[in-house]
Amino acid sequence: MKIVQRYKCSYCQKLTAKEETMERHEKECRHNPNGKNCYMCANSYEGDYDNSEYSTIRNAPICAYNEEILTPHDALKCEGFVRSDDMYYLRSEDSKFPCNKECD
């Protein structure tokens, strides 16, 4: 039998084998009140994404700044990130850039 060490997120139930993996996760954890995750950004929404002239991805998570599909790891580098308590799927394309009105 071997003893195995795991690292647990301070904000959720996630476990990892490596400390650096957990440190990276905690910066993006949606349960972390200071975490940065594109899915929690006020300028993200759910809509249809045209990825070419022949296909459309329906109900995709989209960034209102670059009109691309969200990737949660980009929030740490994004200057336009504004944390929201609502996930992207609770917003529609009609609510793009809500922080232009509320956060100034």
N, C-alpha and C. Protein backbone atom coordinates (compact mmCIF):
# COMPACT_ATOMS: atom_id res chain seq x y z
N MET A 1 0.85 -1.18 0.00
CA MET A 1 0.00 0.00 0.00
C MET A 1 0.90 1.24 0.00
N LYS A 2 0.43 2.28 -0.73
CA LYS A 2 1.16 3.54 -0.79
C LYS A 2 0.31 4.66 -0.19
N ILE A 3 0.97 5.60 0.42
CA ILE A 3 0.29 6.80 0.89
C ILE A 3 0.38 7.82 -0.24
N VAL A 4 -0.75 8.41 -0.56
CA VAL A 4 -0.81 9.36 -1.67
C VAL A 4 -1.23 10.72 -1.13
N GLN A 5 -0.49 11.75 -1.53
CA GLN A 5 -0.81 13.11 -1.09
C GLN A 5 -1.62 13.80 -2.18
N ARG A 6 -2.69 14.49 -1.80
CA ARG A 6 -3.53 15.25 -2.72
C ARG A 6 -3.68 16.67 -2.20
N TYR A 7 -3.97 17.58 -3.13
CA TYR A 7 -4.21 18.99 -2.78
C TYR A 7 -5.67 19.29 -3.07
N LYS A 8 -6.34 19.91 -2.10
CA LYS A 8 -7.76 20.20 -2.23
C LYS A 8 -7.96 21.70 -2.35
N CYS A 9 -8.85 22.09 -3.27
CA CYS A 9 -9.19 23.49 -3.47
C CYS A 9 -9.81 24.06 -2.19
N SER A 10 -9.44 25.27 -1.86
CA SER A 10 -10.00 25.94 -0.68
C SER A 10 -11.43 26.41 -0.91
N TYR A 11 -11.91 26.35 -2.17
CA TYR A 11 -13.22 26.91 -2.50
C TYR A 11 -14.23 25.87 -3.00
N CYS A 12 -13.74 24.74 -3.49
CA CYS A 12 -14.65 23.69 -3.98
C CYS A 12 -14.07 22.33 -3.60
N GLN A 13 -14.59 21.27 -4.13
CA GLN A 13 -14.19 19.92 -3.76
C GLN A 13 -13.11 19.32 -4.66
N LYS A 14 -12.56 20.08 -5.58
CA LYS A 14 -11.57 19.56 -6.53
C LYS A 14 -10.29 19.12 -5.81
N LEU A 15 -9.76 17.97 -6.26
CA LEU A 15 -8.51 17.44 -5.75
C LEU A 15 -7.52 17.30 -6.90
N THR A 16 -6.25 17.58 -6.63
CA THR A 16 -5.21 17.37 -7.64
C THR A 16 -4.00 16.72 -6.98
N ALA A 17 -3.15 16.11 -7.82
CA ALA A 17 -1.95 15.47 -7.32
C ALA A 17 -0.80 16.46 -7.17
N LYS A 18 -0.81 17.53 -7.96
CA LYS A 18 0.28 18.49 -7.94
C LYS A 18 -0.16 19.82 -7.33
N GLU A 19 0.71 20.38 -6.52
CA GLU A 19 0.41 21.66 -5.87
C GLU A 19 0.25 22.79 -6.88
N GLU A 20 1.11 22.84 -7.91
CA GLU A 20 1.01 23.91 -8.90
C GLU A 20 -0.27 23.83 -9.72
N THR A 21 -0.80 22.62 -9.91
CA THR A 21 -2.08 22.47 -10.60
C THR A 21 -3.20 23.07 -9.75
N MET A 22 -3.15 22.84 -8.45
CA MET A 22 -4.18 23.39 -7.56
C MET A 22 -4.06 24.90 -7.46
N GLU A 23 -2.85 25.42 -7.43
CA GLU A 23 -2.68 26.87 -7.39
C GLU A 23 -3.29 27.53 -8.62
N ARG A 24 -3.07 26.93 -9.78
CA ARG A 24 -3.65 27.45 -11.03
C ARG A 24 -5.18 27.35 -10.99
N HIS A 25 -5.70 26.22 -10.50
CA HIS A 25 -7.15 26.04 -10.42
C HIS A 25 -7.78 27.09 -9.50
N GLU A 26 -7.19 27.32 -8.35
CA GLU A 26 -7.79 28.25 -7.39
C GLU A 26 -7.89 29.68 -7.93
N LYS A 27 -6.97 30.06 -8.82
CA LYS A 27 -7.05 31.39 -9.44
C LYS A 27 -8.26 31.52 -10.35
N GLU A 28 -8.72 30.38 -10.90
CA GLU A 28 -9.82 30.38 -11.86
C GLU A 28 -11.10 29.76 -11.30
N CYS A 29 -11.06 29.25 -10.08
CA CYS A 29 -12.21 28.55 -9.51
C CYS A 29 -13.42 29.48 -9.43
N ARG A 30 -14.56 29.02 -9.94
CA ARG A 30 -15.75 29.88 -9.94
C ARG A 30 -16.31 30.08 -8.54
N HIS A 31 -15.88 29.28 -7.58
CA HIS A 31 -16.33 29.45 -6.19
C HIS A 31 -15.44 30.42 -5.42
N ASN A 32 -14.29 30.74 -5.98
CA ASN A 32 -13.38 31.70 -5.37
C ASN A 32 -13.93 33.10 -5.62
N PRO A 33 -14.25 33.87 -4.59
CA PRO A 33 -14.83 35.20 -4.80
C PRO A 33 -13.90 36.16 -5.55
N ASN A 34 -12.61 35.86 -5.56
CA ASN A 34 -11.65 36.68 -6.31
C ASN A 34 -11.15 35.97 -7.56
N GLY A 35 -11.73 34.82 -7.87
CA GLY A 35 -11.29 34.05 -9.02
C GLY A 35 -11.68 34.70 -10.34
N LYS A 36 -10.87 34.46 -11.36
CA LYS A 36 -11.15 34.99 -12.70
C LYS A 36 -11.38 33.82 -13.64
N ASN A 37 -12.59 33.74 -14.17
CA ASN A 37 -12.98 32.67 -15.07
C ASN A 37 -13.92 33.26 -16.11
N CYS A 38 -13.63 33.06 -17.37
CA CYS A 38 -14.44 33.67 -18.44
C CYS A 38 -15.92 33.34 -18.30
N TYR A 39 -16.24 32.16 -17.79
CA TYR A 39 -17.65 31.78 -17.67
C TYR A 39 -18.39 32.65 -16.65
N MET A 40 -17.65 33.30 -15.76
CA MET A 40 -18.26 34.17 -14.75
C MET A 40 -18.17 35.65 -15.12
N CYS A 41 -17.60 35.97 -16.27
CA CYS A 41 -17.45 37.37 -16.66
C CYS A 41 -18.80 37.97 -17.05
N ALA A 42 -19.04 39.19 -16.63
CA ALA A 42 -20.29 39.87 -16.96
C ALA A 42 -20.42 40.15 -18.45
N ASN A 43 -19.32 40.09 -19.18
CA ASN A 43 -19.35 40.36 -20.61
C ASN A 43 -19.31 39.09 -21.44
N SER A 44 -19.76 37.99 -20.87
CA SER A 44 -19.91 36.75 -21.61
C SER A 44 -21.41 36.46 -21.73
N TYR A 45 -21.75 35.72 -22.78
CA TYR A 45 -23.16 35.41 -22.99
C TYR A 45 -23.28 34.10 -23.76
N GLU A 46 -24.49 33.57 -23.83
CA GLU A 46 -24.76 32.38 -24.61
C GLU A 46 -25.42 32.79 -25.91
N GLY A 47 -24.88 32.32 -27.00
CA GLY A 47 -25.44 32.66 -28.30
C GLY A 47 -24.99 31.68 -29.37
N ASP A 48 -25.30 31.99 -30.60
CA ASP A 48 -24.90 31.15 -31.72
C ASP A 48 -23.59 31.66 -32.29
N TYR A 49 -22.64 30.76 -32.47
CA TYR A 49 -21.30 31.11 -32.93
C TYR A 49 -21.10 30.59 -34.35
N ASP A 50 -20.85 31.50 -35.29
CA ASP A 50 -20.58 31.11 -36.67
C ASP A 50 -19.08 30.90 -36.81
N ASN A 51 -18.66 29.62 -36.89
CA ASN A 51 -17.23 29.36 -36.97
C ASN A 51 -16.72 29.23 -38.40
N SER A 52 -17.60 29.24 -39.35
CA SER A 52 -17.22 29.29 -40.76
C SER A 52 -18.48 29.60 -41.56
N GLU A 53 -18.33 29.69 -42.84
CA GLU A 53 -19.50 30.00 -43.66
C GLU A 53 -20.44 28.81 -43.80
N TYR A 54 -20.03 27.64 -43.28
CA TYR A 54 -20.85 26.43 -43.45
C TYR A 54 -21.46 25.88 -42.18
N SER A 55 -21.04 26.37 -41.02
CA SER A 55 -21.60 25.79 -39.80
C SER A 55 -21.77 26.84 -38.71
N THR A 56 -22.68 26.54 -37.80
CA THR A 56 -22.96 27.39 -36.65
C THR A 56 -23.04 26.51 -35.42
N ILE A 57 -22.40 26.95 -34.34
CA ILE A 57 -22.49 26.24 -33.07
C ILE A 57 -23.57 26.94 -32.27
N ARG A 58 -24.62 26.22 -31.94
CA ARG A 58 -25.76 26.79 -31.20
C ARG A 58 -25.48 26.81 -29.70
N ASN A 59 -25.96 27.84 -29.03
CA ASN A 59 -25.89 27.97 -27.57
C ASN A 59 -24.46 27.86 -27.04
N ALA A 60 -23.54 28.50 -27.70
CA ALA A 60 -22.13 28.46 -27.29
C ALA A 60 -21.83 29.59 -26.31
N PRO A 61 -20.87 29.39 -25.39
CA PRO A 61 -20.43 30.48 -24.52
C PRO A 61 -19.53 31.41 -25.33
N ILE A 62 -19.88 32.70 -25.39
CA ILE A 62 -19.18 33.65 -26.25
C ILE A 62 -18.71 34.86 -25.45
N CYS A 63 -17.53 35.36 -25.80
CA CYS A 63 -16.99 36.58 -25.21
C CYS A 63 -17.47 37.77 -26.02
N ALA A 64 -18.04 38.75 -25.37
CA ALA A 64 -18.54 39.93 -26.08
C ALA A 64 -17.41 40.80 -26.62
N TYR A 65 -16.21 40.70 -26.08
CA TYR A 65 -15.09 41.53 -26.55
C TYR A 65 -14.52 41.04 -27.86
N ASN A 66 -14.23 39.75 -27.95
CA ASN A 66 -13.61 39.26 -29.18
C ASN A 66 -14.53 38.40 -30.03
N GLU A 67 -15.77 38.20 -29.58
CA GLU A 67 -16.76 37.41 -30.31
C GLU A 67 -16.27 36.00 -30.63
N GLU A 68 -15.45 35.45 -29.73
CA GLU A 68 -14.97 34.08 -29.86
C GLU A 68 -15.57 33.23 -28.75
N ILE A 69 -15.49 31.92 -28.92
CA ILE A 69 -15.96 31.00 -27.88
C ILE A 69 -15.07 31.16 -26.66
N LEU A 70 -15.69 31.13 -25.48
CA LEU A 70 -14.95 31.32 -24.23
C LEU A 70 -13.96 30.20 -23.95
N THR A 71 -12.86 30.57 -23.37
CA THR A 71 -11.91 29.63 -22.79
C THR A 71 -11.63 30.14 -21.39
N PRO A 72 -11.91 29.37 -20.36
CA PRO A 72 -11.82 29.89 -18.99
C PRO A 72 -10.45 30.39 -18.60
N HIS A 73 -9.39 29.92 -19.25
CA HIS A 73 -8.03 30.32 -18.87
C HIS A 73 -7.65 31.70 -19.37
N ASP A 74 -8.41 32.28 -20.28
CA ASP A 74 -8.09 33.60 -20.82
C ASP A 74 -8.42 34.73 -19.86
N ALA A 75 -9.28 34.51 -18.89
CA ALA A 75 -9.72 35.58 -17.99
C ALA A 75 -8.57 36.19 -17.20
N LEU A 76 -7.58 35.39 -16.86
CA LEU A 76 -6.45 35.91 -16.08
C LEU A 76 -5.67 36.96 -16.86
N LYS A 77 -5.72 36.91 -18.20
CA LYS A 77 -4.99 37.87 -19.04
C LYS A 77 -5.89 38.98 -19.58
N CYS A 78 -7.18 38.89 -19.36
CA CYS A 78 -8.14 39.81 -19.98
C CYS A 78 -8.29 41.10 -19.16
N GLU A 79 -8.14 42.23 -19.83
CA GLU A 79 -8.33 43.52 -19.18
C GLU A 79 -9.80 43.87 -19.01
N GLY A 80 -10.66 43.24 -19.81
CA GLY A 80 -12.09 43.54 -19.76
C GLY A 80 -12.87 42.66 -18.82
N PHE A 81 -12.19 41.81 -18.04
CA PHE A 81 -12.88 40.91 -17.13
C PHE A 81 -13.58 41.67 -16.02
N VAL A 82 -14.87 41.38 -15.84
CA VAL A 82 -15.65 41.94 -14.74
C VAL A 82 -16.45 40.78 -14.16
N ARG A 83 -16.19 40.43 -12.93
CA ARG A 83 -16.85 39.27 -12.32
C ARG A 83 -18.33 39.52 -12.12
N SER A 84 -19.09 38.47 -12.38
CA SER A 84 -20.53 38.49 -12.19
C SER A 84 -20.91 37.27 -11.35
N ASP A 85 -22.03 37.34 -10.66
CA ASP A 85 -22.50 36.17 -9.92
C ASP A 85 -23.25 35.20 -10.82
N ASP A 86 -23.57 35.64 -12.04
CA ASP A 86 -24.30 34.80 -12.99
C ASP A 86 -23.35 34.18 -14.00
N MET A 87 -23.60 32.93 -14.33
CA MET A 87 -22.82 32.26 -15.36
C MET A 87 -23.28 32.74 -16.74
N TYR A 88 -22.46 32.55 -17.75
CA TYR A 88 -22.73 33.03 -19.11
C TYR A 88 -24.06 32.55 -19.65
N TYR A 89 -24.48 31.34 -19.29
CA TYR A 89 -25.71 30.78 -19.86
C TYR A 89 -26.98 31.43 -19.32
N LEU A 90 -26.83 32.33 -18.38
CA LEU A 90 -27.98 33.08 -17.88
C LEU A 90 -28.16 34.40 -18.62
N ARG A 91 -27.25 34.67 -19.58
CA ARG A 91 -27.33 35.92 -20.33
C ARG A 91 -27.47 35.61 -21.82
N SER A 92 -28.16 36.48 -22.52
CA SER A 92 -28.33 36.31 -23.96
C SER A 92 -27.49 37.36 -24.69
N GLU A 93 -27.43 37.24 -25.99
CA GLU A 93 -26.67 38.19 -26.81
C GLU A 93 -27.20 39.61 -26.64
N ASP A 94 -28.48 39.74 -26.31
CA ASP A 94 -29.08 41.06 -26.12
C ASP A 94 -28.48 41.80 -24.93
N SER A 95 -27.86 41.07 -24.01
CA SER A 95 -27.31 41.70 -22.81
C SER A 95 -25.80 41.90 -22.91
N LYS A 96 -25.26 42.00 -24.11
CA LYS A 96 -23.82 42.23 -24.30
C LYS A 96 -23.37 43.48 -23.56
N PHE A 97 -22.20 43.42 -23.02
CA PHE A 97 -21.56 44.53 -22.33
C PHE A 97 -22.45 45.17 -21.26
N PRO A 98 -22.99 44.39 -20.32
CA PRO A 98 -23.81 44.99 -19.27
C PRO A 98 -23.00 45.94 -18.39
N CYS A 99 -21.71 45.74 -18.31
CA CYS A 99 -20.91 46.59 -17.43
C CYS A 99 -20.69 47.99 -18.00
N ASN A 100 -20.97 48.18 -19.25
CA ASN A 100 -20.87 49.54 -19.78
C ASN A 100 -21.91 50.43 -19.11
N LYS A 101 -23.00 49.83 -18.66
CA LYS A 101 -24.07 50.60 -18.01
C LYS A 101 -23.92 50.60 -16.50
N GLU A 102 -23.62 49.42 -15.93
CA GLU A 102 -23.68 49.23 -14.49
C GLU A 102 -22.36 49.46 -13.77
N CYS A 103 -21.23 49.25 -14.41
CA CYS A 103 -19.96 49.19 -13.69
C CYS A 103 -19.11 50.45 -13.83
N ASP A 104 -19.53 51.41 -14.59
CA ASP A 104 -18.72 52.62 -14.77
C ASP A 104 -18.68 53.47 -13.52
